[in-house]
Structure formats: C-alpha cells, structure tokens
N, C-alpha and C. Protein backbone atom coordinates (compact mmCIF):
# COMPACT_ATOMS: atom_id res chain seq x y z
N MET A 1 -21.85 -24.84 -3.51
CA MET A 1 -21.63 -26.26 -3.58
C MET A 1 -21.79 -26.88 -2.20
N SER A 2 -22.33 -28.04 -2.15
CA SER A 2 -22.49 -28.72 -0.87
C SER A 2 -21.33 -29.68 -0.65
N GLU A 3 -20.95 -29.82 0.59
CA GLU A 3 -19.87 -30.73 0.93
C GLU A 3 -20.45 -32.06 1.38
N LEU A 4 -19.79 -33.12 1.00
CA LEU A 4 -20.21 -34.44 1.44
C LEU A 4 -19.63 -34.70 2.82
N SER A 5 -20.45 -35.14 3.72
CA SER A 5 -19.94 -35.49 5.04
C SER A 5 -20.58 -36.78 5.49
N THR A 6 -19.79 -37.58 6.16
CA THR A 6 -20.30 -38.83 6.69
C THR A 6 -20.01 -38.89 8.17
N ASN A 7 -20.85 -39.55 8.89
CA ASN A 7 -20.66 -39.72 10.32
C ASN A 7 -19.87 -40.97 10.64
N GLU A 8 -19.63 -41.80 9.63
CA GLU A 8 -18.93 -43.04 9.84
C GLU A 8 -17.43 -42.84 9.69
N SER A 9 -16.68 -43.58 10.48
CA SER A 9 -15.23 -43.54 10.33
C SER A 9 -14.84 -44.38 9.12
N PRO A 10 -13.66 -44.18 8.56
CA PRO A 10 -13.24 -44.97 7.39
C PRO A 10 -13.18 -46.47 7.66
N LYS A 11 -13.00 -46.86 8.90
CA LYS A 11 -12.89 -48.27 9.23
C LYS A 11 -14.24 -48.89 9.58
N ALA A 12 -15.32 -48.17 9.40
CA ALA A 12 -16.64 -48.66 9.80
C ALA A 12 -17.07 -49.88 9.01
N ASN A 13 -16.64 -50.00 7.77
CA ASN A 13 -17.08 -51.13 6.96
C ASN A 13 -16.10 -52.30 7.01
N GLN A 14 -15.03 -52.18 7.77
CA GLN A 14 -14.07 -53.27 7.89
C GLN A 14 -14.46 -54.17 9.04
N ALA A 15 -14.06 -55.44 8.95
CA ALA A 15 -14.34 -56.40 10.01
C ALA A 15 -13.48 -56.06 11.22
N SER A 16 -14.10 -56.02 12.40
CA SER A 16 -13.35 -55.63 13.59
C SER A 16 -12.96 -56.83 14.45
N SER A 17 -13.82 -57.82 14.53
CA SER A 17 -13.50 -58.98 15.36
C SER A 17 -12.90 -60.09 14.51
N PRO A 18 -12.14 -60.99 15.13
CA PRO A 18 -11.53 -62.10 14.38
C PRO A 18 -12.57 -62.99 13.70
N GLU A 19 -13.73 -63.18 14.35
CA GLU A 19 -14.77 -64.02 13.76
C GLU A 19 -15.29 -63.40 12.46
N GLU A 20 -15.51 -62.09 12.49
CA GLU A 20 -16.01 -61.41 11.29
C GLU A 20 -14.96 -61.46 10.18
N LYS A 21 -13.70 -61.36 10.56
CA LYS A 21 -12.63 -61.40 9.56
C LYS A 21 -12.58 -62.76 8.89
N GLU A 22 -12.76 -63.83 9.66
CA GLU A 22 -12.77 -65.18 9.10
C GLU A 22 -13.92 -65.35 8.12
N LYS A 23 -15.08 -64.78 8.45
CA LYS A 23 -16.24 -64.89 7.57
C LYS A 23 -15.97 -64.19 6.24
N THR A 24 -15.35 -63.01 6.29
CA THR A 24 -15.08 -62.29 5.05
C THR A 24 -14.02 -63.00 4.23
N ASP A 25 -13.02 -63.61 4.90
CA ASP A 25 -12.01 -64.37 4.18
C ASP A 25 -12.63 -65.59 3.51
N ALA A 26 -13.59 -66.23 4.16
CA ALA A 26 -14.25 -67.40 3.59
C ALA A 26 -15.06 -67.00 2.36
N LYS A 27 -15.69 -65.85 2.41
CA LYS A 27 -16.47 -65.38 1.26
C LYS A 27 -15.57 -65.10 0.07
N LYS A 28 -14.38 -64.59 0.32
CA LYS A 28 -13.44 -64.29 -0.76
C LYS A 28 -12.98 -65.57 -1.43
N GLY A 29 -12.87 -66.66 -0.67
CA GLY A 29 -12.40 -67.92 -1.20
C GLY A 29 -13.43 -68.61 -2.06
N GLU A 30 -14.71 -68.37 -1.81
CA GLU A 30 -15.76 -69.01 -2.59
C GLU A 30 -15.85 -68.37 -3.97
N GLU A 31 -16.16 -69.20 -4.96
CA GLU A 31 -16.35 -68.65 -6.30
C GLU A 31 -17.74 -68.06 -6.41
N GLU A 32 -17.81 -66.92 -7.05
CA GLU A 32 -19.08 -66.26 -7.25
C GLU A 32 -19.62 -66.66 -8.61
N GLU A 33 -20.83 -67.19 -8.64
CA GLU A 33 -21.43 -67.61 -9.90
C GLU A 33 -22.09 -66.41 -10.55
N ILE A 34 -21.68 -66.12 -11.76
CA ILE A 34 -22.22 -64.98 -12.50
C ILE A 34 -22.95 -65.52 -13.71
N ASP A 35 -24.20 -65.14 -13.85
CA ASP A 35 -25.02 -65.60 -14.96
C ASP A 35 -25.12 -64.49 -15.99
N ILE A 36 -24.44 -64.67 -17.12
CA ILE A 36 -24.45 -63.67 -18.20
C ILE A 36 -25.11 -64.29 -19.42
N ASP A 37 -26.06 -63.57 -19.98
CA ASP A 37 -26.72 -64.03 -21.21
C ASP A 37 -25.81 -63.72 -22.38
N LEU A 38 -25.13 -64.74 -22.90
CA LEU A 38 -24.16 -64.54 -23.97
C LEU A 38 -24.81 -64.26 -25.32
N THR A 39 -26.11 -64.45 -25.43
CA THR A 39 -26.79 -64.19 -26.70
C THR A 39 -27.47 -62.82 -26.73
N ALA A 40 -27.39 -62.09 -25.64
CA ALA A 40 -28.02 -60.77 -25.58
C ALA A 40 -27.30 -59.80 -26.51
N PRO A 41 -28.04 -58.96 -27.20
CA PRO A 41 -27.41 -58.00 -28.13
C PRO A 41 -26.42 -57.07 -27.43
N GLU A 42 -26.71 -56.67 -26.20
CA GLU A 42 -25.81 -55.78 -25.47
C GLU A 42 -24.48 -56.47 -25.19
N THR A 43 -24.55 -57.77 -24.88
CA THR A 43 -23.34 -58.53 -24.59
C THR A 43 -22.49 -58.66 -25.84
N GLU A 44 -23.12 -58.96 -26.96
CA GLU A 44 -22.38 -59.08 -28.22
C GLU A 44 -21.74 -57.75 -28.61
N LYS A 45 -22.48 -56.67 -28.41
CA LYS A 45 -21.97 -55.34 -28.73
C LYS A 45 -20.75 -55.01 -27.86
N ALA A 46 -20.85 -55.32 -26.58
CA ALA A 46 -19.74 -55.06 -25.66
C ALA A 46 -18.53 -55.91 -26.02
N ALA A 47 -18.77 -57.17 -26.37
CA ALA A 47 -17.67 -58.07 -26.74
C ALA A 47 -16.95 -57.55 -27.98
N LEU A 48 -17.69 -57.10 -28.97
CA LEU A 48 -17.08 -56.56 -30.18
C LEU A 48 -16.27 -55.30 -29.89
N ALA A 49 -16.77 -54.47 -29.00
CA ALA A 49 -16.04 -53.25 -28.64
C ALA A 49 -14.74 -53.59 -27.93
N ILE A 50 -14.79 -54.54 -27.01
CA ILE A 50 -13.59 -54.96 -26.28
C ILE A 50 -12.58 -55.58 -27.23
N GLN A 51 -13.05 -56.42 -28.13
CA GLN A 51 -12.15 -57.07 -29.09
C GLN A 51 -11.49 -56.04 -30.00
N GLY A 52 -12.25 -55.05 -30.44
CA GLY A 52 -11.70 -54.01 -31.30
C GLY A 52 -10.62 -53.20 -30.60
N LYS A 53 -10.88 -52.84 -29.35
CA LYS A 53 -9.88 -52.08 -28.59
C LYS A 53 -8.64 -52.92 -28.35
N PHE A 54 -8.82 -54.21 -28.10
CA PHE A 54 -7.67 -55.09 -27.88
C PHE A 54 -6.85 -55.21 -29.16
N ARG A 55 -7.52 -55.33 -30.30
CA ARG A 55 -6.79 -55.43 -31.57
C ARG A 55 -5.99 -54.16 -31.85
N ARG A 56 -6.59 -52.99 -31.56
CA ARG A 56 -5.87 -51.73 -31.74
C ARG A 56 -4.67 -51.66 -30.79
N PHE A 57 -4.86 -52.13 -29.57
CA PHE A 57 -3.78 -52.15 -28.60
C PHE A 57 -2.63 -53.02 -29.10
N GLN A 58 -2.95 -54.21 -29.61
CA GLN A 58 -1.92 -55.11 -30.12
C GLN A 58 -1.21 -54.50 -31.32
N LYS A 59 -1.96 -53.83 -32.18
CA LYS A 59 -1.36 -53.21 -33.36
C LYS A 59 -0.39 -52.10 -32.95
N ARG A 60 -0.79 -51.27 -31.98
CA ARG A 60 0.09 -50.20 -31.51
C ARG A 60 1.31 -50.77 -30.79
N LYS A 61 1.11 -51.86 -30.10
CA LYS A 61 2.20 -52.51 -29.39
C LYS A 61 3.25 -53.02 -30.38
N LYS A 62 2.77 -53.56 -31.49
CA LYS A 62 3.65 -54.11 -32.52
C LYS A 62 4.34 -52.99 -33.30
N ASP A 63 3.59 -51.94 -33.64
CA ASP A 63 4.12 -50.84 -34.44
C ASP A 63 3.81 -49.52 -33.73
N PRO A 64 4.66 -49.10 -32.77
CA PRO A 64 4.35 -47.89 -31.99
C PRO A 64 4.42 -46.59 -32.78
N SER A 65 4.95 -46.60 -33.99
CA SER A 65 5.07 -45.36 -34.77
C SER A 65 3.74 -44.88 -35.33
N SER A 66 2.72 -45.76 -35.42
CA SER A 66 1.44 -45.33 -35.99
C SER A 66 0.42 -44.95 -34.97
C-alpha cells in the first residue's frame, strides 16, 4: 500500500494576513447563486428519494416501535 504524503502544512490553505482574512469573510457573506434545472429527470428522481426518506424518518419518529 502506498502512503499519502503532502509537503504542505495543514494551515497552508488558511488565510494568513488580515487582508486575506477579510476577503474570505466577505466571500462568505455574499450569497452564492446556484442554477439548478428543476425539470431535469435526475433532479426529480433525487427529490422523490429525499422526500421518501423524510417520510420514513417522520413515520419512525412518530412510531418508534416499527
């Protein structure tokens, strides 16, 4: 088996200067626009799967004996 090794320290991807930190904080505050095709068959399939799991969760929550 091969071992994974990196030359970067764990803090390499974190902002180090105050200016960089302000930039990352500003990005977090902005809303990210996500464009999802709600009519796509994959989206509908995923939505039905999520709804089904949620319904089962609610049913088990209401009646934990089953």
